[in-house]
Amino acid sequence: MPDNRVVQGRMVTPKKLAELVEGDSVMEAEPIADADRECPDCGGAVLEVVYMPSVTELVTGYKCQDCDWADDDRD
């Protein structure tokens, strides 16, 4: 699986994808994976990235490749 992926027409790294989901900088991000879901807004493909927004938190983020939709696994 490649480290970089195309999101909304731009090539992004795992860290950049995590920052798009988080809306802020992140400490670290794992490789991007295909999520097992479709975007609820446009039906496009969704990517998944696991990242650390802080030293004490590990988050799984989801971002549509085609539109602005993003979400994470926080309650």
Protein backbone atom coordinates (compact mmCIF):
# COMPACT_ATOMS: atom_id res chain seq x y z
CA MET A 1 0.00 0.00 0.00
CA PRO A 2 1.50 3.37 -0.98
CA ASP A 3 2.18 5.92 1.74
CA ASN A 4 0.74 8.84 -0.23
CA ARG A 5 -2.79 8.97 -1.65
CA VAL A 6 -4.85 11.36 -3.76
CA VAL A 7 -7.51 13.29 -1.82
CA GLN A 8 -9.67 15.86 -3.59
CA GLY A 9 -7.19 16.00 -6.48
CA ARG A 10 -4.07 16.49 -4.31
CA MET A 11 -1.43 14.00 -3.22
CA VAL A 12 -1.31 13.80 0.60
CA THR A 13 0.96 12.06 3.10
CA PRO A 14 -0.48 10.18 6.10
CA LYS A 15 0.36 13.14 8.35
CA LYS A 16 -1.33 15.64 6.01
CA LEU A 17 -4.43 13.43 5.77
CA ALA A 18 -4.57 13.26 9.58
CA GLU A 19 -4.30 17.05 9.72
CA LEU A 20 -7.21 17.37 7.27
CA VAL A 21 -9.34 15.16 9.54
CA GLU A 22 -8.17 16.77 12.80
CA GLY A 23 -8.23 20.36 11.58
CA ASP A 24 -4.91 20.94 13.35
CA SER A 25 -1.37 19.58 13.36
CA VAL A 26 -0.73 16.03 14.61
CA MET A 27 2.32 14.41 16.19
CA GLU A 28 2.45 11.20 14.17
CA ALA A 29 0.39 9.21 11.65
CA GLU A 30 0.40 5.60 10.46
CA PRO A 31 0.10 4.61 6.77
CA ILE A 32 -3.16 5.41 4.98
CA ALA A 33 -5.59 2.52 4.37
CA ASP A 34 -8.86 2.10 2.48
CA ALA A 35 -11.80 2.28 4.89
CA ASP A 36 -14.62 -0.25 4.64
CA ARG A 37 -17.27 2.42 4.03
CA GLU A 38 -18.62 4.92 1.53
CA CYS A 39 -18.87 8.65 2.10
CA PRO A 40 -22.30 9.54 3.56
CA ASP A 41 -22.28 12.87 1.66
CA CYS A 42 -21.26 11.90 -1.89
CA GLY A 43 -20.89 8.09 -1.92
CA GLY A 44 -17.16 8.34 -2.75
CA ALA A 45 -14.31 6.22 -1.43
CA VAL A 46 -13.20 6.84 2.16
CA LEU A 47 -9.64 6.58 3.47
CA GLU A 48 -8.61 5.71 7.02
CA VAL A 49 -5.60 6.97 8.97
CA VAL A 50 -4.58 6.30 12.58
CA TYR A 51 -2.83 9.24 14.19
CA MET A 52 -1.73 10.84 17.44
CA PRO A 53 -3.05 14.38 17.98
CA SER A 54 -1.34 14.39 21.39
CA VAL A 55 0.96 12.18 23.44
CA THR A 56 -1.97 10.55 25.26
CA GLU A 57 -4.44 10.05 22.41
CA LEU A 58 -4.67 7.65 19.44
CA VAL A 59 -7.44 8.42 16.94
CA THR A 60 -8.71 6.71 13.79
CA GLY A 61 -9.74 9.32 11.24
CA TYR A 62 -11.79 8.94 8.07
CA LYS A 63 -11.69 11.24 5.03
CA CYS A 64 -13.54 11.11 1.72
CA GLN A 65 -11.27 11.19 -1.33
CA ASP A 66 -13.78 13.24 -3.34
CA CYS A 67 -15.43 15.80 -0.99
CA ASP A 68 -14.87 17.69 2.30
CA TRP A 69 -16.46 15.00 4.54
CA ALA A 70 -14.26 13.81 7.42
CA ASP A 71 -14.91 12.07 10.75
CA ASP A 72 -13.07 10.25 13.53
CA ASP A 73 -13.75 7.51 16.06
CA ARG A 74 -14.13 9.83 19.06
CA ASP A 75 -17.49 9.68 20.85
